[in-house]
């Protein structure tokens, strides 16, 4: 599988697009209260396999929360994984 592109919220509501990030791509951001998180990835699968997109965030001293999207393509195909907007 190859990630064609991904978009993520920079914590201020601006979506940033990354072309062809590596598999296992990770991006840590510091987002203040009142910010937001969301993400979307466009993937080309080469056959059967699995793909997961995960966004996690920690409220300082309170708790860690996460949301994820998962796909199990059975053949070569394009698909999208989406994490909806979460206001922090």
Protein backbone atom coordinates (compact mmCIF):
# COMPACT_ATOMS: atom_id res chain seq x y z
CA UNK A 1 0.00 0.00 0.00
CA UNK A 2 1.07 3.55 -0.65
CA UNK A 3 -0.33 6.76 0.83
CA UNK A 4 -1.03 9.06 -2.11
CA UNK A 5 -1.61 12.06 0.14
CA UNK A 6 -2.85 13.03 3.58
CA UNK A 7 -4.43 16.14 5.08
CA UNK A 8 -4.36 17.04 8.74
CA UNK A 9 -5.63 19.89 10.89
CA UNK A 10 -2.72 21.96 12.22
CA UNK A 11 -4.65 22.59 15.44
CA UNK A 12 -5.96 25.95 14.26
CA UNK A 13 -8.51 24.71 11.70
CA UNK A 14 -6.13 24.89 8.71
CA UNK A 15 -5.84 21.67 6.71
CA UNK A 16 -2.26 20.90 5.65
CA UNK A 17 -1.71 18.54 2.70
CA UNK A 18 1.26 16.16 2.60
CA UNK A 19 2.04 14.37 -0.68
CA UNK A 20 3.19 10.73 -0.48
CA UNK A 21 4.06 10.48 3.23
CA UNK A 22 5.98 7.32 4.16
CA UNK A 23 4.19 4.31 5.60
CA UNK A 24 4.21 4.64 9.37
CA UNK A 25 4.25 8.43 9.05
CA UNK A 26 3.84 10.19 12.42
CA UNK A 27 3.42 13.89 13.10
CA UNK A 28 3.39 15.27 16.66
CA UNK A 29 1.68 18.64 17.15
CA UNK A 30 0.95 20.79 20.19
CA UNK A 31 -2.60 22.08 20.07
CA UNK A 32 -4.04 24.49 22.63
CA UNK A 33 -7.50 24.23 24.16
CA UNK A 34 -9.98 25.55 21.60
CA UNK A 35 -8.00 24.00 18.74
CA UNK A 36 -9.06 20.99 16.73
CA UNK A 37 -7.87 17.73 15.18
CA UNK A 38 -8.95 15.90 12.02
CA UNK A 39 -7.26 13.91 9.26
CA UNK A 40 -7.87 12.22 5.93
CA UNK A 41 -5.64 9.91 3.86
CA UNK A 42 -5.99 8.75 0.26
CA UNK A 43 -4.42 5.34 -0.22
CA UNK A 44 -3.68 3.04 -3.15
CA UNK A 45 -3.75 -0.61 -2.13
CA UNK A 46 -1.78 -3.11 -4.16
CA UNK A 47 -3.78 -6.11 -2.95
CA UNK A 48 -5.21 -7.59 0.23
CA UNK A 49 -3.96 -5.98 3.44
CA UNK A 50 -4.94 -3.49 6.10
CA UNK A 51 -4.59 0.23 6.69
CA UNK A 52 -5.22 2.39 9.75
CA UNK A 53 -5.30 6.14 10.25
CA UNK A 54 -5.17 7.25 13.89
CA UNK A 55 -5.31 10.63 15.61
CA UNK A 56 -4.71 10.85 19.35
CA UNK A 57 -4.61 13.83 21.67
CA UNK A 58 -3.89 14.39 25.34
CA UNK A 59 -5.48 17.02 27.53
CA UNK A 60 -2.58 18.02 29.79
CA UNK A 61 -2.92 16.25 33.11
CA UNK A 62 -6.42 14.95 32.32
CA UNK A 63 -6.72 12.17 29.73
CA UNK A 64 -5.66 10.85 26.34
CA UNK A 65 -8.29 10.28 23.67
CA UNK A 66 -8.09 8.90 20.14
CA UNK A 67 -10.10 8.25 17.01
CA UNK A 68 -9.17 5.96 14.14
CA UNK A 69 -10.31 4.73 10.75
CA UNK A 70 -9.49 1.23 9.47
CA UNK A 71 -9.80 -0.53 6.10
CA UNK A 72 -9.28 -4.11 4.89
CA UNK A 73 -9.04 -3.95 1.11
CA UNK A 74 -9.26 -7.36 -0.58
CA UNK A 75 -7.90 -6.33 -3.99
CA UNK A 76 -5.86 -3.57 -5.60
CA UNK A 77 -7.95 -0.40 -5.20
CA UNK A 78 -7.94 3.21 -4.04
CA UNK A 79 -9.67 4.15 -0.81
CA UNK A 80 -9.94 6.95 1.74
CA UNK A 81 -9.59 6.89 5.52
CA UNK A 82 -11.16 9.77 7.49
CA UNK A 83 -10.98 11.05 11.05
CA UNK A 84 -13.79 13.59 11.58
CA UNK A 85 -13.24 17.04 13.11
CA UNK A 86 -12.86 17.05 16.92
CA UNK A 87 -12.87 20.36 18.78
CA UNK A 88 -10.55 20.32 21.79
